[in-house]
N, C-alpha and C. Protein backbone atom coordinates (compact mmCIF):
# COMPACT_ATOMS: atom_id res chain seq x y z
N MET A 1 -51.73 -64.91 -43.76
CA MET A 1 -51.34 -64.38 -42.45
C MET A 1 -51.05 -62.90 -42.60
N ALA A 2 -51.73 -62.05 -41.76
CA ALA A 2 -51.57 -60.59 -41.86
C ALA A 2 -50.30 -60.17 -41.17
N THR A 3 -49.56 -59.21 -41.81
CA THR A 3 -48.31 -58.68 -41.22
C THR A 3 -48.62 -57.45 -40.39
N GLU A 4 -47.88 -57.31 -39.26
CA GLU A 4 -48.05 -56.14 -38.39
C GLU A 4 -47.36 -54.93 -39.00
N PRO A 5 -47.95 -53.71 -38.87
CA PRO A 5 -47.32 -52.50 -39.43
C PRO A 5 -46.03 -52.17 -38.69
N ASN A 6 -45.04 -51.71 -39.43
CA ASN A 6 -43.74 -51.31 -38.86
C ASN A 6 -43.85 -49.91 -38.28
N PRO A 7 -43.57 -49.69 -36.96
CA PRO A 7 -43.68 -48.35 -36.34
C PRO A 7 -42.75 -47.35 -36.99
N ALA A 8 -41.57 -47.76 -37.39
CA ALA A 8 -40.61 -46.83 -37.98
C ALA A 8 -41.13 -46.32 -39.32
N SER A 9 -41.71 -47.22 -40.09
CA SER A 9 -42.26 -46.80 -41.39
C SER A 9 -43.42 -45.85 -41.20
N PHE A 10 -44.22 -46.09 -40.18
CA PHE A 10 -45.36 -45.21 -39.92
C PHE A 10 -44.90 -43.80 -39.54
N LEU A 11 -43.89 -43.68 -38.71
CA LEU A 11 -43.37 -42.35 -38.31
C LEU A 11 -42.76 -41.62 -39.49
N LEU A 12 -42.06 -42.35 -40.35
CA LEU A 12 -41.45 -41.72 -41.52
C LEU A 12 -42.52 -41.19 -42.45
N LEU A 13 -43.60 -41.96 -42.65
CA LEU A 13 -44.70 -41.52 -43.50
C LEU A 13 -45.37 -40.28 -42.93
N LEU A 14 -45.54 -40.25 -41.60
CA LEU A 14 -46.18 -39.10 -40.96
C LEU A 14 -45.32 -37.85 -41.12
N LEU A 15 -44.01 -37.99 -41.01
CA LEU A 15 -43.10 -36.85 -41.16
C LEU A 15 -43.14 -36.30 -42.57
N LEU A 16 -43.21 -37.21 -43.57
CA LEU A 16 -43.28 -36.75 -44.96
C LEU A 16 -44.56 -35.99 -45.23
N LEU A 17 -45.64 -36.38 -44.58
CA LEU A 17 -46.91 -35.69 -44.77
C LEU A 17 -46.92 -34.31 -44.12
N LEU A 18 -46.17 -34.14 -43.01
CA LEU A 18 -46.20 -32.86 -42.28
C LEU A 18 -45.21 -31.84 -42.81
N LEU A 19 -44.16 -32.27 -43.48
CA LEU A 19 -43.14 -31.33 -43.95
C LEU A 19 -43.69 -30.23 -44.86
N PRO A 20 -44.53 -30.54 -45.83
CA PRO A 20 -45.04 -29.45 -46.69
C PRO A 20 -45.81 -28.39 -45.91
N SER A 21 -46.58 -28.79 -44.92
CA SER A 21 -47.35 -27.80 -44.17
C SER A 21 -46.44 -26.92 -43.31
N ILE A 22 -45.33 -27.50 -42.83
CA ILE A 22 -44.39 -26.70 -42.01
C ILE A 22 -43.73 -25.62 -42.85
N PHE A 23 -43.22 -25.97 -44.02
CA PHE A 23 -42.55 -25.00 -44.88
C PHE A 23 -43.52 -24.02 -45.50
N ALA A 24 -44.78 -24.43 -45.65
CA ALA A 24 -45.78 -23.55 -46.28
C ALA A 24 -46.10 -22.36 -45.41
N THR A 25 -45.99 -22.48 -44.10
CA THR A 25 -46.32 -21.34 -43.22
C THR A 25 -45.33 -20.20 -43.39
N GLY A 26 -44.05 -20.49 -43.62
CA GLY A 26 -43.04 -19.45 -43.86
C GLY A 26 -42.74 -18.60 -42.64
N LYS A 27 -43.05 -19.02 -41.45
CA LYS A 27 -42.81 -18.23 -40.24
C LYS A 27 -41.33 -18.27 -39.87
N LYS A 28 -40.82 -17.11 -39.42
CA LYS A 28 -39.44 -17.00 -38.99
C LYS A 28 -39.40 -16.39 -37.59
N PHE A 29 -38.45 -16.83 -36.86
CA PHE A 29 -38.26 -16.26 -35.53
C PHE A 29 -37.36 -15.03 -35.63
N HIS A 30 -37.71 -13.92 -34.92
CA HIS A 30 -36.93 -12.68 -34.96
C HIS A 30 -36.69 -12.19 -33.52
N ILE A 31 -35.44 -11.94 -33.22
CA ILE A 31 -35.09 -11.42 -31.89
C ILE A 31 -34.92 -9.92 -31.99
N THR A 32 -35.74 -9.17 -31.28
CA THR A 32 -35.71 -7.72 -31.35
C THR A 32 -34.57 -7.15 -30.51
N ASP A 33 -34.15 -5.94 -30.88
CA ASP A 33 -33.12 -5.23 -30.11
C ASP A 33 -33.72 -4.43 -28.96
N ASP A 34 -35.02 -4.31 -28.93
CA ASP A 34 -35.69 -3.55 -27.87
C ASP A 34 -35.82 -4.44 -26.64
N LEU A 35 -35.05 -4.14 -25.62
CA LEU A 35 -35.01 -4.97 -24.41
C LEU A 35 -35.72 -4.32 -23.23
N ARG A 36 -36.57 -3.33 -23.52
CA ARG A 36 -37.23 -2.63 -22.41
C ARG A 36 -38.19 -3.53 -21.65
N ASP A 37 -38.80 -4.48 -22.35
CA ASP A 37 -39.77 -5.35 -21.69
C ASP A 37 -39.14 -6.64 -21.17
N VAL A 38 -37.83 -6.75 -21.32
CA VAL A 38 -37.16 -7.97 -20.88
C VAL A 38 -36.83 -7.85 -19.40
N VAL A 39 -37.18 -8.84 -18.65
CA VAL A 39 -36.92 -8.86 -17.21
C VAL A 39 -35.86 -9.90 -16.94
N ASP A 40 -34.75 -9.44 -16.33
CA ASP A 40 -33.65 -10.34 -15.99
C ASP A 40 -33.64 -10.52 -14.48
N ASP A 41 -34.03 -11.71 -14.06
CA ASP A 41 -34.10 -11.99 -12.63
C ASP A 41 -32.77 -12.49 -12.07
N GLU A 42 -31.79 -12.68 -12.95
CA GLU A 42 -30.52 -13.21 -12.50
C GLU A 42 -29.56 -12.06 -12.19
N GLU A 43 -28.89 -12.12 -11.05
CA GLU A 43 -27.92 -11.12 -10.64
C GLU A 43 -26.60 -11.82 -10.35
N ASP A 44 -25.55 -11.32 -11.01
CA ASP A 44 -24.25 -11.92 -10.71
C ASP A 44 -23.68 -11.31 -9.44
N GLU A 45 -22.61 -11.90 -8.95
CA GLU A 45 -22.03 -11.48 -7.67
C GLU A 45 -21.45 -10.08 -7.76
N ALA A 46 -20.88 -9.72 -8.93
CA ALA A 46 -20.30 -8.38 -9.07
C ALA A 46 -21.36 -7.30 -8.93
N TRP A 47 -22.56 -7.57 -9.49
CA TRP A 47 -23.65 -6.59 -9.39
C TRP A 47 -24.12 -6.46 -7.94
N LYS A 48 -24.19 -7.59 -7.24
CA LYS A 48 -24.63 -7.54 -5.85
C LYS A 48 -23.66 -6.76 -4.97
N GLU A 49 -22.36 -6.86 -5.30
CA GLU A 49 -21.35 -6.20 -4.47
C GLU A 49 -21.12 -4.75 -4.86
N TRP A 50 -21.64 -4.33 -6.02
CA TRP A 50 -21.40 -2.97 -6.49
C TRP A 50 -22.03 -1.96 -5.55
N GLY A 51 -21.25 -0.93 -5.21
CA GLY A 51 -21.76 0.12 -4.34
C GLY A 51 -21.58 -0.13 -2.87
N LYS A 52 -21.21 -1.36 -2.50
CA LYS A 52 -21.00 -1.66 -1.09
C LYS A 52 -19.59 -1.26 -0.68
N LYS A 53 -19.44 -0.79 0.56
CA LYS A 53 -18.12 -0.47 1.08
C LYS A 53 -17.34 -1.75 1.33
N LYS A 54 -16.14 -1.77 0.80
CA LYS A 54 -15.32 -2.96 0.96
C LYS A 54 -14.65 -2.94 2.33
N THR A 55 -14.77 -4.00 3.03
CA THR A 55 -14.16 -4.13 4.34
C THR A 55 -13.20 -5.30 4.33
N SER A 56 -12.20 -5.19 5.14
CA SER A 56 -11.20 -6.26 5.21
C SER A 56 -11.74 -7.40 6.06
N ASP A 57 -11.66 -8.61 5.51
CA ASP A 57 -12.13 -9.77 6.24
C ASP A 57 -11.06 -10.31 7.19
N VAL A 58 -9.84 -9.82 7.03
CA VAL A 58 -8.75 -10.33 7.84
C VAL A 58 -8.62 -9.49 9.11
N PHE A 59 -8.70 -10.15 10.24
CA PHE A 59 -8.53 -9.46 11.51
C PHE A 59 -7.04 -9.28 11.78
N ASP A 60 -6.61 -8.05 11.87
CA ASP A 60 -5.19 -7.74 12.01
C ASP A 60 -4.97 -6.90 13.26
N PRO A 61 -4.95 -7.50 14.43
CA PRO A 61 -4.76 -6.73 15.66
C PRO A 61 -3.33 -6.24 15.78
N PRO A 62 -3.09 -5.19 16.58
CA PRO A 62 -1.71 -4.73 16.80
C PRO A 62 -0.93 -5.78 17.58
N PRO A 63 0.39 -5.72 17.52
CA PRO A 63 1.20 -6.71 18.24
C PRO A 63 0.88 -6.72 19.73
N SER A 64 0.84 -7.90 20.30
CA SER A 64 0.52 -8.01 21.73
C SER A 64 1.70 -7.60 22.60
N ASP A 65 2.92 -7.80 22.12
CA ASP A 65 4.11 -7.43 22.88
C ASP A 65 4.79 -6.25 22.19
N MET A 66 4.72 -5.09 22.81
CA MET A 66 5.32 -3.88 22.25
C MET A 66 6.50 -3.39 23.08
N SER A 67 7.00 -4.24 23.94
CA SER A 67 8.07 -3.81 24.84
C SER A 67 9.35 -3.47 24.09
N GLY A 68 9.60 -4.13 22.97
CA GLY A 68 10.82 -3.86 22.23
C GLY A 68 10.66 -2.86 21.11
N MET A 69 9.51 -2.20 21.05
CA MET A 69 9.23 -1.26 19.97
C MET A 69 9.45 0.17 20.43
N GLU A 70 9.89 1.02 19.50
CA GLU A 70 10.03 2.44 19.79
C GLU A 70 8.65 3.10 19.73
N LEU A 71 8.59 4.34 20.28
CA LEU A 71 7.31 5.04 20.33
C LEU A 71 6.72 5.23 18.94
N GLU A 72 7.55 5.61 17.98
CA GLU A 72 7.05 5.85 16.63
C GLU A 72 6.51 4.56 16.01
N GLN A 73 7.15 3.42 16.28
CA GLN A 73 6.67 2.15 15.76
C GLN A 73 5.32 1.77 16.37
N ILE A 74 5.16 2.06 17.65
CA ILE A 74 3.87 1.78 18.30
C ILE A 74 2.77 2.65 17.70
N GLN A 75 3.08 3.93 17.48
CA GLN A 75 2.11 4.84 16.89
C GLN A 75 1.70 4.37 15.50
N GLU A 76 2.68 3.95 14.70
CA GLU A 76 2.39 3.50 13.34
C GLU A 76 1.56 2.21 13.35
N ALA A 77 1.82 1.33 14.33
CA ALA A 77 1.06 0.08 14.41
C ALA A 77 -0.42 0.34 14.61
N PHE A 78 -0.74 1.34 15.41
CA PHE A 78 -2.15 1.66 15.64
C PHE A 78 -2.73 2.49 14.50
N MET A 79 -1.92 3.37 13.90
CA MET A 79 -2.42 4.24 12.85
C MET A 79 -2.87 3.47 11.62
N LYS A 80 -2.12 2.44 11.24
CA LYS A 80 -2.48 1.71 10.02
C LYS A 80 -3.71 0.84 10.21
N ARG A 81 -4.19 0.74 11.46
CA ARG A 81 -5.43 0.00 11.73
C ARG A 81 -6.59 0.94 12.03
N THR A 82 -6.38 2.23 11.85
CA THR A 82 -7.45 3.21 12.06
C THR A 82 -8.31 3.27 10.81
N MET A 83 -9.58 2.91 10.91
CA MET A 83 -10.44 2.83 9.73
C MET A 83 -11.25 4.11 9.50
N GLY A 84 -11.48 4.89 10.53
CA GLY A 84 -12.31 6.08 10.39
C GLY A 84 -11.52 7.28 9.91
N PRO A 85 -12.18 8.43 9.79
CA PRO A 85 -11.50 9.65 9.35
C PRO A 85 -10.56 10.18 10.42
N VAL A 86 -9.52 10.90 10.00
CA VAL A 86 -8.58 11.52 10.93
C VAL A 86 -8.30 12.94 10.46
N PHE A 87 -7.82 13.76 11.38
CA PHE A 87 -7.41 15.11 11.02
C PHE A 87 -6.15 15.46 11.79
N GLY A 88 -5.49 16.53 11.36
CA GLY A 88 -4.26 16.93 12.03
C GLY A 88 -3.69 18.19 11.42
N PHE A 89 -2.41 18.44 11.73
CA PHE A 89 -1.76 19.67 11.31
C PHE A 89 -0.35 19.38 10.82
N VAL A 90 0.08 20.22 9.88
CA VAL A 90 1.46 20.19 9.40
C VAL A 90 2.10 21.52 9.76
N LYS A 91 3.22 21.45 10.48
CA LYS A 91 3.97 22.66 10.80
C LYS A 91 5.07 22.83 9.76
N LEU A 92 5.11 24.00 9.16
CA LEU A 92 6.10 24.28 8.14
C LEU A 92 7.43 24.66 8.78
N ARG A 93 8.48 24.56 7.98
CA ARG A 93 9.83 24.82 8.49
C ARG A 93 9.94 26.26 8.99
N PRO A 94 10.41 26.45 10.22
CA PRO A 94 10.50 27.81 10.77
C PRO A 94 11.67 28.59 10.16
N GLY A 95 11.61 29.91 10.34
CA GLY A 95 12.68 30.77 9.84
C GLY A 95 12.54 31.14 8.38
N VAL A 96 11.41 30.81 7.76
CA VAL A 96 11.17 31.14 6.35
C VAL A 96 10.02 32.14 6.27
N LYS A 97 10.23 33.22 5.54
CA LYS A 97 9.19 34.24 5.41
C LYS A 97 8.12 33.74 4.43
N ARG A 98 6.87 33.77 4.86
CA ARG A 98 5.74 33.34 4.03
C ARG A 98 4.59 34.30 4.21
N THR A 99 3.66 34.24 3.26
CA THR A 99 2.40 34.98 3.37
C THR A 99 1.27 33.96 3.44
N PRO A 100 0.09 34.36 3.89
CA PRO A 100 -1.05 33.43 3.89
C PRO A 100 -1.33 32.86 2.51
N ASP A 101 -1.09 33.65 1.46
CA ASP A 101 -1.34 33.17 0.10
C ASP A 101 -0.37 32.06 -0.29
N THR A 102 0.90 32.21 0.08
CA THR A 102 1.86 31.16 -0.28
C THR A 102 1.55 29.86 0.45
N VAL A 103 1.09 29.95 1.70
CA VAL A 103 0.71 28.74 2.45
C VAL A 103 -0.53 28.10 1.83
N ALA A 104 -1.50 28.92 1.42
CA ALA A 104 -2.70 28.39 0.77
C ALA A 104 -2.35 27.71 -0.55
N ASP A 105 -1.43 28.30 -1.31
CA ASP A 105 -1.00 27.69 -2.57
C ASP A 105 -0.31 26.35 -2.32
N LEU A 106 0.49 26.29 -1.27
CA LEU A 106 1.17 25.04 -0.94
C LEU A 106 0.16 23.96 -0.54
N ALA A 107 -0.87 24.34 0.22
CA ALA A 107 -1.90 23.37 0.62
C ALA A 107 -2.64 22.84 -0.60
N ARG A 108 -2.96 23.71 -1.55
CA ARG A 108 -3.63 23.26 -2.77
C ARG A 108 -2.73 22.33 -3.59
N LYS A 109 -1.46 22.67 -3.66
CA LYS A 109 -0.52 21.84 -4.41
C LYS A 109 -0.43 20.44 -3.81
N TRP A 110 -0.30 20.35 -2.50
CA TRP A 110 -0.23 19.04 -1.85
C TRP A 110 -1.53 18.27 -2.02
N THR A 111 -2.66 18.96 -1.95
CA THR A 111 -3.95 18.29 -2.12
C THR A 111 -4.04 17.63 -3.49
N LYS A 112 -3.64 18.34 -4.53
CA LYS A 112 -3.69 17.79 -5.88
C LYS A 112 -2.76 16.58 -6.01
N MET A 113 -1.58 16.69 -5.44
CA MET A 113 -0.62 15.59 -5.54
C MET A 113 -1.13 14.34 -4.83
N LEU A 114 -1.73 14.51 -3.66
CA LEU A 114 -2.22 13.36 -2.90
C LEU A 114 -3.48 12.77 -3.52
N ARG A 115 -4.34 13.62 -4.05
CA ARG A 115 -5.55 13.09 -4.70
C ARG A 115 -5.20 12.34 -5.97
N ALA A 116 -4.09 12.70 -6.60
CA ALA A 116 -3.65 11.94 -7.77
C ALA A 116 -3.32 10.50 -7.39
N GLY A 117 -3.01 10.27 -6.12
CA GLY A 117 -2.78 8.93 -5.62
C GLY A 117 -4.01 8.31 -5.00
N ALA A 118 -5.19 8.83 -5.36
CA ALA A 118 -6.48 8.30 -4.89
C ALA A 118 -6.65 8.42 -3.38
N MET A 119 -6.08 9.46 -2.79
CA MET A 119 -6.24 9.68 -1.35
C MET A 119 -7.30 10.77 -1.15
N GLU A 120 -8.33 10.44 -0.38
CA GLU A 120 -9.41 11.39 -0.14
C GLU A 120 -9.08 12.25 1.07
N LEU A 121 -8.73 13.52 0.81
CA LEU A 121 -8.39 14.42 1.90
C LEU A 121 -8.47 15.86 1.43
N ASN A 122 -8.44 16.77 2.39
CA ASN A 122 -8.40 18.20 2.12
C ASN A 122 -7.34 18.83 3.00
N LEU A 123 -6.57 19.76 2.42
CA LEU A 123 -5.58 20.51 3.17
C LEU A 123 -5.91 21.99 3.05
N MET A 124 -5.68 22.73 4.12
CA MET A 124 -6.03 24.15 4.13
C MET A 124 -5.04 24.91 5.00
N GLY A 125 -4.50 26.00 4.47
CA GLY A 125 -3.60 26.84 5.26
C GLY A 125 -4.39 27.66 6.27
N ILE A 126 -3.93 27.67 7.52
CA ILE A 126 -4.64 28.43 8.55
C ILE A 126 -3.81 29.59 9.09
N ASP A 127 -2.50 29.57 8.92
CA ASP A 127 -1.67 30.73 9.23
C ASP A 127 -0.38 30.62 8.43
N ARG A 128 0.61 31.46 8.74
CA ARG A 128 1.83 31.50 7.94
C ARG A 128 2.74 30.28 8.13
N SER A 129 2.44 29.46 9.11
CA SER A 129 3.32 28.32 9.38
C SER A 129 2.58 27.00 9.58
N THR A 130 1.26 26.98 9.36
CA THR A 130 0.47 25.78 9.68
C THR A 130 -0.51 25.44 8.56
N ILE A 131 -0.59 24.16 8.24
CA ILE A 131 -1.58 23.63 7.30
C ILE A 131 -2.41 22.58 8.04
N MET A 132 -3.72 22.72 7.97
CA MET A 132 -4.61 21.75 8.60
C MET A 132 -5.11 20.77 7.54
N PHE A 133 -5.35 19.51 7.92
CA PHE A 133 -5.84 18.52 6.97
C PHE A 133 -6.87 17.62 7.63
N ASN A 134 -7.73 17.04 6.82
CA ASN A 134 -8.61 15.96 7.25
C ASN A 134 -8.71 14.95 6.11
N MET A 135 -8.67 13.67 6.46
CA MET A 135 -8.70 12.62 5.45
C MET A 135 -9.73 11.57 5.85
N ALA A 136 -10.35 10.98 4.83
CA ALA A 136 -11.47 10.06 5.05
C ALA A 136 -11.01 8.71 5.58
N GLU A 137 -9.86 8.24 5.13
CA GLU A 137 -9.41 6.90 5.49
C GLU A 137 -8.18 6.99 6.39
N GLY A 138 -8.40 6.78 7.68
CA GLY A 138 -7.29 6.86 8.61
C GLY A 138 -6.22 5.82 8.39
N ARG A 139 -6.58 4.70 7.78
CA ARG A 139 -5.58 3.64 7.56
C ARG A 139 -4.50 4.07 6.57
N ARG A 140 -4.73 5.17 5.83
CA ARG A 140 -3.73 5.66 4.89
C ARG A 140 -2.92 6.83 5.46
N SER A 141 -3.05 7.05 6.76
CA SER A 141 -2.35 8.17 7.38
C SER A 141 -0.84 8.01 7.33
N LEU A 142 -0.35 6.76 7.30
CA LEU A 142 1.09 6.55 7.18
C LEU A 142 1.60 7.02 5.83
N GLU A 143 0.81 6.84 4.78
CA GLU A 143 1.19 7.34 3.46
C GLU A 143 1.27 8.86 3.48
N LEU A 144 0.31 9.49 4.16
CA LEU A 144 0.33 10.94 4.27
C LEU A 144 1.56 11.40 5.04
N LYS A 145 1.88 10.71 6.10
CA LYS A 145 3.06 11.08 6.90
C LYS A 145 4.33 11.02 6.05
N GLU A 146 4.50 9.93 5.30
CA GLU A 146 5.69 9.79 4.46
C GLU A 146 5.74 10.89 3.40
N PHE A 147 4.59 11.21 2.82
CA PHE A 147 4.55 12.26 1.81
C PHE A 147 4.98 13.60 2.40
N VAL A 148 4.38 13.98 3.52
CA VAL A 148 4.64 15.29 4.11
C VAL A 148 6.10 15.43 4.51
N LEU A 149 6.65 14.42 5.16
CA LEU A 149 8.03 14.52 5.62
C LEU A 149 9.04 14.45 4.47
N ASN A 150 8.58 14.16 3.28
CA ASN A 150 9.45 14.22 2.10
C ASN A 150 9.39 15.58 1.41
N GLN A 151 8.53 16.47 1.92
CA GLN A 151 8.42 17.81 1.35
C GLN A 151 9.37 18.75 2.09
N PRO A 152 10.19 19.51 1.37
CA PRO A 152 11.18 20.38 2.05
C PRO A 152 10.53 21.49 2.87
N GLU A 153 9.30 21.87 2.55
CA GLU A 153 8.65 22.96 3.29
C GLU A 153 8.15 22.52 4.66
N ALA A 154 7.96 21.22 4.86
CA ALA A 154 7.36 20.72 6.10
C ALA A 154 8.44 20.42 7.13
N TYR A 155 8.10 20.66 8.40
CA TYR A 155 9.02 20.31 9.49
C TYR A 155 8.48 19.13 10.31
N GLU A 156 7.19 19.16 10.64
CA GLU A 156 6.61 18.06 11.41
C GLU A 156 5.13 17.94 11.08
N ILE A 157 4.56 16.78 11.37
CA ILE A 157 3.15 16.53 11.12
C ILE A 157 2.54 15.88 12.36
N LYS A 158 1.37 16.34 12.73
CA LYS A 158 0.63 15.78 13.85
C LYS A 158 -0.65 15.15 13.31
N ILE A 159 -0.78 13.83 13.48
CA ILE A 159 -1.95 13.08 13.03
C ILE A 159 -2.68 12.60 14.27
N GLY A 160 -3.82 13.19 14.54
CA GLY A 160 -4.51 12.88 15.78
C GLY A 160 -3.66 13.34 16.96
N ASP A 161 -3.29 12.41 17.82
CA ASP A 161 -2.43 12.72 18.97
C ASP A 161 -0.97 12.35 18.72
N ASN A 162 -0.65 11.89 17.51
CA ASN A 162 0.70 11.41 17.20
C ASN A 162 1.48 12.46 16.43
N LEU A 163 2.69 12.75 16.90
CA LEU A 163 3.54 13.77 16.30
C LEU A 163 4.75 13.10 15.65
N PHE A 164 5.07 13.52 14.41
CA PHE A 164 6.17 12.91 13.67
C PHE A 164 7.07 14.00 13.09
N ARG A 165 8.39 13.75 13.19
CA ARG A 165 9.41 14.58 12.54
C ARG A 165 10.41 13.66 11.86
N ARG A 166 11.29 14.26 11.08
CA ARG A 166 12.38 13.48 10.51
C ARG A 166 13.33 13.05 11.63
N LYS A 167 13.93 11.92 11.46
CA LYS A 167 14.85 11.42 12.48
C LYS A 167 16.02 12.38 12.65
N GLY A 168 16.31 12.69 13.90
CA GLY A 168 17.42 13.59 14.20
C GLY A 168 17.02 15.04 14.34
N ASP A 169 15.82 15.41 13.89
CA ASP A 169 15.37 16.79 14.01
C ASP A 169 14.94 17.08 15.45
N PRO A 170 15.36 18.22 16.01
CA PRO A 170 14.94 18.57 17.36
C PRO A 170 13.48 19.02 17.37
N PRO A 171 12.86 19.11 18.55
CA PRO A 171 11.48 19.60 18.63
C PRO A 171 11.35 20.99 18.02
N LEU A 172 10.19 21.27 17.47
CA LEU A 172 9.96 22.54 16.80
C LEU A 172 10.16 23.71 17.75
N GLU A 173 9.70 23.59 18.99
CA GLU A 173 9.84 24.68 19.96
C GLU A 173 11.31 25.02 20.18
N GLN A 174 12.16 24.01 20.18
CA GLN A 174 13.59 24.24 20.37
C GLN A 174 14.18 25.00 19.19
N VAL A 175 13.76 24.65 17.98
CA VAL A 175 14.26 25.34 16.79
C VAL A 175 13.82 26.80 16.79
N ILE A 176 12.54 27.04 17.13
CA ILE A 176 12.04 28.41 17.17
C ILE A 176 12.78 29.23 18.22
N GLU A 177 13.06 28.62 19.36
CA GLU A 177 13.80 29.32 20.42
C GLU A 177 15.21 29.68 19.95
N GLN A 178 15.85 28.78 19.23
CA GLN A 178 17.19 29.06 18.71
C GLN A 178 17.16 30.20 17.71
N ILE A 179 16.12 30.23 16.87
CA ILE A 179 16.00 31.31 15.89
C ILE A 179 15.81 32.65 16.59
N HIS A 180 14.94 32.69 17.60
CA HIS A 180 14.72 33.93 18.35
C HIS A 180 15.99 34.38 19.06
N ARG A 181 16.72 33.42 19.62
CA ARG A 181 17.95 33.77 20.32
C ARG A 181 18.97 34.36 19.35
N ALA A 182 19.07 33.75 18.17
CA ALA A 182 20.01 34.27 17.17
C ALA A 182 19.63 35.67 16.72
N LYS A 183 18.32 35.92 16.57
CA LYS A 183 17.87 37.26 16.17
C LYS A 183 18.17 38.28 17.27
N ASN A 184 17.93 37.88 18.51
CA ASN A 184 18.20 38.80 19.63
C ASN A 184 19.68 39.12 19.73
N GLU A 185 20.52 38.09 19.55
CA GLU A 185 21.96 38.33 19.60
C GLU A 185 22.40 39.24 18.47
N ALA A 186 21.79 39.04 17.29
CA ALA A 186 22.14 39.90 16.16
C ALA A 186 21.73 41.34 16.42
N SER A 187 20.54 41.54 16.95
CA SER A 187 20.08 42.90 17.24
C SER A 187 20.89 43.53 18.36
N ASP A 188 21.24 42.74 19.39
CA ASP A 188 22.08 43.26 20.47
C ASP A 188 23.45 43.62 19.96
N GLY A 189 23.98 42.83 19.06
CA GLY A 189 25.30 43.13 18.51
C GLY A 189 25.29 44.42 17.72
N THR A 190 24.20 44.66 16.96
CA THR A 190 24.09 45.90 16.18
C THR A 190 24.03 47.10 17.10
N SER A 191 23.25 47.00 18.17
CA SER A 191 23.12 48.11 19.12
C SER A 191 24.45 48.38 19.79
N HIS A 192 25.17 47.31 20.14
CA HIS A 192 26.46 47.47 20.79
C HIS A 192 27.45 48.18 19.87
N ASP A 193 27.45 47.81 18.60
CA ASP A 193 28.35 48.45 17.64
C ASP A 193 28.03 49.93 17.50
N GLU A 194 26.73 50.25 17.47
CA GLU A 194 26.35 51.65 17.36
C GLU A 194 26.81 52.44 18.58
N GLU A 195 26.68 51.82 19.77
CA GLU A 195 27.13 52.50 20.98
C GLU A 195 28.63 52.73 20.96
N VAL A 196 29.38 51.76 20.48
CA VAL A 196 30.83 51.89 20.39
C VAL A 196 31.20 53.02 19.44
N GLU A 197 30.51 53.08 18.29
CA GLU A 197 30.79 54.14 17.34
C GLU A 197 30.50 55.52 17.94
N GLU A 198 29.36 55.63 18.66
CA GLU A 198 29.01 56.90 19.28
C GLU A 198 30.05 57.31 20.32
N LYS A 199 30.50 56.35 21.13
CA LYS A 199 31.52 56.65 22.14
C LYS A 199 32.82 57.08 21.49
N GLU A 200 33.20 56.41 20.40
CA GLU A 200 34.43 56.78 19.70
C GLU A 200 34.33 58.19 19.13
N GLU A 201 33.14 58.54 18.61
CA GLU A 201 32.95 59.89 18.08
C GLU A 201 33.04 60.92 19.20
N GLU A 202 32.43 60.62 20.36
CA GLU A 202 32.48 61.54 21.50
C GLU A 202 33.92 61.72 21.99
N GLN A 203 34.65 60.62 22.05
CA GLN A 203 36.05 60.71 22.47
C GLN A 203 36.86 61.54 21.48
N GLY A 204 36.54 61.41 20.20
CA GLY A 204 37.25 62.21 19.20
C GLY A 204 36.96 63.69 19.35
N GLU A 205 35.71 64.05 19.66
CA GLU A 205 35.35 65.45 19.86
C GLU A 205 36.05 66.01 21.10
N ASP A 206 36.13 65.22 22.16
CA ASP A 206 36.80 65.67 23.38
C ASP A 206 38.27 65.94 23.12
N ARG A 207 38.90 65.12 22.34
CA ARG A 207 40.31 65.31 22.04
C ARG A 207 40.52 66.59 21.22
N LYS A 208 39.56 66.87 20.33
CA LYS A 208 39.66 68.09 19.53
C LYS A 208 39.58 69.32 20.44
N ASP A 209 38.68 69.24 21.43
CA ASP A 209 38.53 70.37 22.35
C ASP A 209 39.78 70.57 23.18
N GLU A 210 40.42 69.47 23.58
CA GLU A 210 41.63 69.58 24.37
C GLU A 210 42.75 70.21 23.57
N LEU A 211 42.80 69.90 22.27
CA LEU A 211 43.83 70.49 21.43
C LEU A 211 43.55 71.96 21.18
């Protein structure tokens, strides 16, 4: 009776016959460092998002009821939701003698300080008491406001149509009027004293003549 061949034995014999020919070729696989011809069709999410402007997905409308809010709070509520560029002016403290160069130096100093905080803006002195600015991101205008009002040289800042001063400070026009009034009173007082001295001298001469 003939026995059937064992499949496992047949495969083992075939493997033993092929092993010498495999090792005889001596071929090795080598991965080159030159990747110029390599095409990568896979893109991760970070690469897809690179270069795109980031926008907020959260809709944050201003409060619907503003009846209990002060004017400054209402202004700030809208300012922090302003996404486009804004511009405005900073009025420096009145009654201080300055030159155009000192104002320009101050504008450059503030620009460097704000850019160190990653704020995109430019400041430029336009006269002895005013600095003009423009910034790319209006939503950061509240940061600019806080910065400016913490500077001793600044008196008020106007961002768009919104005007801000330190709490308790009177309007700038009122302060300037008070300064002018004080100067006028000082000059009038000096003139009055000179007139008194002249009259006293004249009276002294008259008395000499009488004697």
